[in-house]
Amino acid sequence: MNITLASTSIAPPAANPAAAKAVLKNEKAARDFEALLLTPVLDALQKTFAGDAEDSKAPGASDYRQMGSQALAQAIAARGGIGIAQLVLRHLQPPKVSGGG
């Protein structure tokens, strides 16, 4: 089983185009899910280290902080993340059955 979440696919190229499309769709969904989970963590970290600056009280500051956290989480997940997407993909793959006579 080859699971890497870089710009390449997690599985060898499938002979069936529909299967290859499903693999790519699963990879994207797994990365998006990981980014969704990372966003509140990164947002909380940013709030913690930002302190009580005057800029944080400006109108819309929390929206910009949230957008920044989402962008950072998506970038981290797109480059392999912290392993959540790999775990999701491992569970989406069909089980390997060892066949013996």
N, C-alpha and C. Protein backbone atom coordinates (compact mmCIF):
# COMPACT_ATOMS: atom_id res chain seq x y z
N MET A 1 0.85 -1.16 0.00
CA MET A 1 0.00 0.00 0.00
C MET A 1 0.90 1.22 0.00
N ASN A 2 0.70 2.09 -0.95
CA ASN A 2 1.52 3.30 -1.09
C ASN A 2 0.66 4.51 -0.79
N ILE A 3 0.87 5.13 0.38
CA ILE A 3 0.06 6.29 0.77
C ILE A 3 0.97 7.49 0.96
N THR A 4 0.98 8.37 -0.02
CA THR A 4 1.65 9.65 0.13
C THR A 4 0.71 10.71 -0.40
N LEU A 5 0.59 11.79 0.32
CA LEU A 5 -0.36 12.83 -0.05
C LEU A 5 0.34 14.04 -0.65
N ALA A 6 1.24 13.80 -1.53
CA ALA A 6 1.87 14.91 -2.24
C ALA A 6 1.06 15.14 -3.50
N SER A 7 1.70 15.59 -4.53
CA SER A 7 0.98 15.84 -5.77
C SER A 7 0.69 14.55 -6.53
N THR A 8 1.18 13.42 -6.01
CA THR A 8 0.94 12.15 -6.68
C THR A 8 -0.21 11.42 -6.01
N SER A 9 -0.70 10.43 -6.67
CA SER A 9 -1.82 9.65 -6.17
C SER A 9 -1.34 8.68 -5.10
N ILE A 10 -2.27 8.20 -4.27
CA ILE A 10 -1.92 7.26 -3.22
C ILE A 10 -1.83 5.84 -3.74
N ALA A 11 -2.39 5.57 -4.85
CA ALA A 11 -2.42 4.22 -5.37
C ALA A 11 -1.80 4.20 -6.76
N PRO A 12 -1.35 3.03 -7.18
CA PRO A 12 -0.85 2.94 -8.55
C PRO A 12 -1.96 3.31 -9.53
N PRO A 13 -1.60 3.83 -10.70
CA PRO A 13 -2.62 4.23 -11.66
C PRO A 13 -3.55 3.06 -11.98
N ALA A 14 -4.82 3.31 -11.90
CA ALA A 14 -5.80 2.26 -12.16
C ALA A 14 -6.08 2.17 -13.65
N ALA A 15 -6.37 0.97 -14.10
CA ALA A 15 -6.71 0.77 -15.51
C ALA A 15 -8.08 1.39 -15.79
N ASN A 16 -8.91 1.46 -14.79
CA ASN A 16 -10.26 1.99 -14.92
C ASN A 16 -10.24 3.49 -14.60
N PRO A 17 -10.59 4.35 -15.57
CA PRO A 17 -10.59 5.80 -15.31
C PRO A 17 -11.53 6.20 -14.19
N ALA A 18 -12.64 5.50 -14.03
CA ALA A 18 -13.59 5.82 -12.96
C ALA A 18 -12.97 5.54 -11.60
N ALA A 19 -12.18 4.47 -11.50
CA ALA A 19 -11.53 4.13 -10.23
C ALA A 19 -10.46 5.17 -9.91
N ALA A 20 -9.72 5.62 -10.92
CA ALA A 20 -8.70 6.64 -10.71
C ALA A 20 -9.33 7.94 -10.26
N LYS A 21 -10.48 8.28 -10.84
CA LYS A 21 -11.18 9.50 -10.45
C LYS A 21 -11.68 9.39 -9.01
N ALA A 22 -12.14 8.20 -8.61
CA ALA A 22 -12.61 8.00 -7.25
C ALA A 22 -11.46 8.13 -6.25
N VAL A 23 -10.27 7.65 -6.62
CA VAL A 23 -9.11 7.77 -5.74
C VAL A 23 -8.76 9.24 -5.53
N LEU A 24 -8.74 10.01 -6.62
CA LEU A 24 -8.44 11.44 -6.51
C LEU A 24 -9.48 12.17 -5.68
N LYS A 25 -10.74 11.78 -5.84
CA LYS A 25 -11.82 12.40 -5.08
C LYS A 25 -11.66 12.09 -3.59
N ASN A 26 -11.30 10.85 -3.27
CA ASN A 26 -11.08 10.47 -1.87
C ASN A 26 -9.90 11.22 -1.27
N GLU A 27 -8.83 11.39 -2.05
CA GLU A 27 -7.66 12.12 -1.56
C GLU A 27 -8.02 13.56 -1.22
N LYS A 28 -8.77 14.20 -2.11
CA LYS A 28 -9.17 15.59 -1.88
C LYS A 28 -10.07 15.68 -0.64
N ALA A 29 -10.99 14.75 -0.52
CA ALA A 29 -11.89 14.76 0.64
C ALA A 29 -11.12 14.56 1.94
N ALA A 30 -10.13 13.69 1.92
CA ALA A 30 -9.32 13.44 3.12
C ALA A 30 -8.51 14.67 3.50
N ARG A 31 -7.92 15.34 2.50
CA ARG A 31 -7.16 16.56 2.78
C ARG A 31 -8.07 17.67 3.29
N ASP A 32 -9.24 17.81 2.69
CA ASP A 32 -10.19 18.84 3.14
C ASP A 32 -10.64 18.57 4.57
N PHE A 33 -10.85 17.30 4.90
CA PHE A 33 -11.27 16.93 6.25
C PHE A 33 -10.17 17.26 7.26
N GLU A 34 -8.92 16.95 6.90
CA GLU A 34 -7.81 17.27 7.80
C GLU A 34 -7.70 18.78 7.99
N ALA A 35 -7.85 19.55 6.92
CA ALA A 35 -7.81 21.01 7.03
C ALA A 35 -8.94 21.52 7.93
N LEU A 36 -10.09 20.90 7.82
CA LEU A 36 -11.23 21.29 8.65
C LEU A 36 -10.93 21.06 10.12
N LEU A 37 -10.24 19.97 10.43
CA LEU A 37 -9.89 19.69 11.82
C LEU A 37 -8.75 20.57 12.32
N LEU A 38 -7.84 20.94 11.44
CA LEU A 38 -6.70 21.77 11.84
C LEU A 38 -7.06 23.24 12.05
N THR A 39 -8.09 23.72 11.37
CA THR A 39 -8.43 25.15 11.41
C THR A 39 -8.69 25.65 12.84
N PRO A 40 -9.54 25.01 13.64
CA PRO A 40 -9.77 25.55 14.99
C PRO A 40 -8.51 25.47 15.87
N VAL A 41 -7.67 24.48 15.64
CA VAL A 41 -6.44 24.36 16.42
C VAL A 41 -5.52 25.54 16.11
N LEU A 42 -5.34 25.82 14.83
CA LEU A 42 -4.48 26.93 14.43
C LEU A 42 -5.07 28.27 14.85
N ASP A 43 -6.39 28.40 14.79
CA ASP A 43 -7.04 29.64 15.21
C ASP A 43 -6.84 29.88 16.70
N ALA A 44 -6.96 28.82 17.50
CA ALA A 44 -6.74 28.96 18.94
C ALA A 44 -5.29 29.32 19.24
N LEU A 45 -4.36 28.73 18.50
CA LEU A 45 -2.95 29.08 18.70
C LEU A 45 -2.69 30.54 18.36
N GLN A 46 -3.29 30.99 17.28
CA GLN A 46 -3.09 32.38 16.87
C GLN A 46 -3.67 33.34 17.91
N LYS A 47 -4.84 33.01 18.45
CA LYS A 47 -5.44 33.86 19.49
C LYS A 47 -4.55 33.91 20.73
N THR A 48 -3.96 32.76 21.07
CA THR A 48 -3.12 32.68 22.26
C THR A 48 -1.87 33.56 22.12
N PHE A 49 -1.24 33.50 20.97
CA PHE A 49 0.01 34.22 20.80
C PHE A 49 -0.19 35.67 20.35
N ALA A 50 -1.38 36.03 19.91
CA ALA A 50 -1.62 37.40 19.48
C ALA A 50 -1.75 38.34 20.67
N GLY A 51 -2.15 37.80 21.80
CA GLY A 51 -2.32 38.65 22.98
C GLY A 51 -3.55 39.53 22.83
N ASP A 52 -3.48 40.73 23.42
CA ASP A 52 -4.60 41.66 23.40
C ASP A 52 -4.20 42.91 22.61
N ALA A 53 -3.76 42.70 21.38
CA ALA A 53 -3.29 43.82 20.55
C ALA A 53 -4.47 44.69 20.11
N GLU A 54 -4.16 45.92 19.82
CA GLU A 54 -5.19 46.86 19.37
C GLU A 54 -5.78 46.42 18.03
N ASP A 55 -4.96 45.80 17.17
CA ASP A 55 -5.43 45.35 15.86
C ASP A 55 -6.51 44.28 15.97
N SER A 56 -6.47 43.49 17.02
CA SER A 56 -7.45 42.42 17.16
C SER A 56 -8.84 42.95 17.50
N LYS A 57 -8.93 44.21 17.90
CA LYS A 57 -10.22 44.81 18.23
C LYS A 57 -10.85 45.53 17.05
N ALA A 58 -10.14 45.61 15.94
CA ALA A 58 -10.66 46.28 14.75
C ALA A 58 -11.80 45.47 14.16
N PRO A 59 -12.78 46.15 13.55
CA PRO A 59 -13.89 45.42 12.92
C PRO A 59 -13.38 44.48 11.84
N GLY A 60 -13.81 43.24 11.89
CA GLY A 60 -13.44 42.26 10.89
C GLY A 60 -12.13 41.54 11.17
N ALA A 61 -11.45 41.89 12.26
CA ALA A 61 -10.15 41.28 12.56
C ALA A 61 -10.29 39.77 12.79
N SER A 62 -11.36 39.38 13.46
CA SER A 62 -11.54 37.94 13.72
C SER A 62 -11.83 37.19 12.42
N ASP A 63 -12.52 37.83 11.48
CA ASP A 63 -12.77 37.19 10.19
C ASP A 63 -11.48 36.98 9.41
N TYR A 64 -10.62 37.98 9.41
CA TYR A 64 -9.33 37.85 8.72
C TYR A 64 -8.46 36.79 9.39
N ARG A 65 -8.48 36.74 10.72
CA ARG A 65 -7.72 35.72 11.45
C ARG A 65 -8.23 34.33 11.09
N GLN A 66 -9.55 34.17 11.01
CA GLN A 66 -10.15 32.88 10.67
C GLN A 66 -9.78 32.48 9.25
N MET A 67 -9.81 33.42 8.31
CA MET A 67 -9.43 33.11 6.93
C MET A 67 -7.96 32.72 6.84
N GLY A 68 -7.13 33.39 7.61
CA GLY A 68 -5.71 33.04 7.64
C GLY A 68 -5.49 31.66 8.20
N SER A 69 -6.22 31.31 9.25
CA SER A 69 -6.11 29.98 9.85
C SER A 69 -6.57 28.91 8.87
N GLN A 70 -7.65 29.18 8.13
CA GLN A 70 -8.13 28.22 7.14
C GLN A 70 -7.12 28.03 6.02
N ALA A 71 -6.54 29.11 5.55
CA ALA A 71 -5.56 29.01 4.47
C ALA A 71 -4.33 28.23 4.92
N LEU A 72 -3.88 28.48 6.15
CA LEU A 72 -2.72 27.77 6.67
C LEU A 72 -3.05 26.28 6.85
N ALA A 73 -4.22 25.98 7.37
CA ALA A 73 -4.62 24.58 7.56
C ALA A 73 -4.71 23.84 6.22
N GLN A 74 -5.26 24.49 5.20
CA GLN A 74 -5.35 23.86 3.88
C GLN A 74 -3.96 23.63 3.29
N ALA A 75 -3.05 24.57 3.48
CA ALA A 75 -1.69 24.41 2.97
C ALA A 75 -0.97 23.27 3.69
N ILE A 76 -1.15 23.18 4.99
CA ILE A 76 -0.52 22.09 5.75
C ILE A 76 -1.08 20.75 5.31
N ALA A 77 -2.40 20.65 5.18
CA ALA A 77 -3.03 19.40 4.77
C ALA A 77 -2.64 19.01 3.35
N ALA A 78 -2.50 19.98 2.46
CA ALA A 78 -2.12 19.69 1.07
C ALA A 78 -0.71 19.12 0.96
N ARG A 79 0.12 19.40 1.94
CA ARG A 79 1.50 18.92 1.91
C ARG A 79 1.73 17.73 2.83
N GLY A 80 0.68 17.04 3.19
CA GLY A 80 0.83 15.83 4.00
C GLY A 80 0.25 15.96 5.38
N GLY A 81 0.08 17.18 5.85
CA GLY A 81 -0.57 17.41 7.13
C GLY A 81 0.10 16.73 8.30
N ILE A 82 -0.71 16.32 9.26
CA ILE A 82 -0.20 15.66 10.45
C ILE A 82 -0.59 14.19 10.48
N GLY A 83 -1.07 13.68 9.38
CA GLY A 83 -1.36 12.26 9.26
C GLY A 83 -2.83 11.87 9.31
N ILE A 84 -3.70 12.82 9.55
CA ILE A 84 -5.13 12.50 9.63
C ILE A 84 -5.64 12.03 8.27
N ALA A 85 -5.27 12.74 7.21
CA ALA A 85 -5.74 12.36 5.87
C ALA A 85 -5.26 10.97 5.49
N GLN A 86 -4.04 10.63 5.87
CA GLN A 86 -3.52 9.29 5.57
C GLN A 86 -4.33 8.22 6.28
N LEU A 87 -4.71 8.48 7.52
CA LEU A 87 -5.53 7.51 8.26
C LEU A 87 -6.90 7.35 7.61
N VAL A 88 -7.48 8.46 7.19
CA VAL A 88 -8.80 8.39 6.53
C VAL A 88 -8.69 7.58 5.24
N LEU A 89 -7.67 7.86 4.46
CA LEU A 89 -7.50 7.14 3.19
C LEU A 89 -7.23 5.66 3.40
N ARG A 90 -6.50 5.33 4.43
CA ARG A 90 -6.22 3.92 4.72
C ARG A 90 -7.52 3.17 5.00
N HIS A 91 -8.47 3.84 5.65
CA HIS A 91 -9.74 3.19 5.97
C HIS A 91 -10.70 3.17 4.78
N LEU A 92 -10.46 4.04 3.79
CA LEU A 92 -11.31 4.05 2.60
C LEU A 92 -10.91 2.99 1.58
N GLN A 93 -9.68 2.51 1.69
CA GLN A 93 -9.21 1.51 0.72
C GLN A 93 -9.85 0.17 1.04
N PRO A 94 -10.11 -0.63 -0.01
CA PRO A 94 -10.67 -1.97 0.23
C PRO A 94 -9.68 -2.82 0.99
N PRO A 95 -10.16 -3.70 1.84
CA PRO A 95 -9.25 -4.54 2.63
C PRO A 95 -8.47 -5.49 1.74
N LYS A 96 -7.23 -5.73 2.14
CA LYS A 96 -6.40 -6.70 1.42
C LYS A 96 -6.68 -8.08 1.98
N VAL A 97 -7.08 -8.96 1.09
CA VAL A 97 -7.40 -10.33 1.51
C VAL A 97 -6.31 -11.24 0.96
N SER A 98 -5.68 -11.96 1.88
CA SER A 98 -4.64 -12.87 1.41
C SER A 98 -5.31 -14.17 0.97
N GLY A 99 -5.18 -14.44 -0.30
CA GLY A 99 -5.85 -15.62 -0.86
C GLY A 99 -4.91 -16.80 -0.92
N GLY A 100 -5.34 -17.82 -0.39
CA GLY A 100 -4.58 -19.07 -0.47
C GLY A 100 -5.51 -20.13 -1.02
N GLY A 101 -5.12 -21.01 -1.77
CA GLY A 101 -5.89 -22.06 -2.40
C GLY A 101 -7.12 -22.45 -1.78
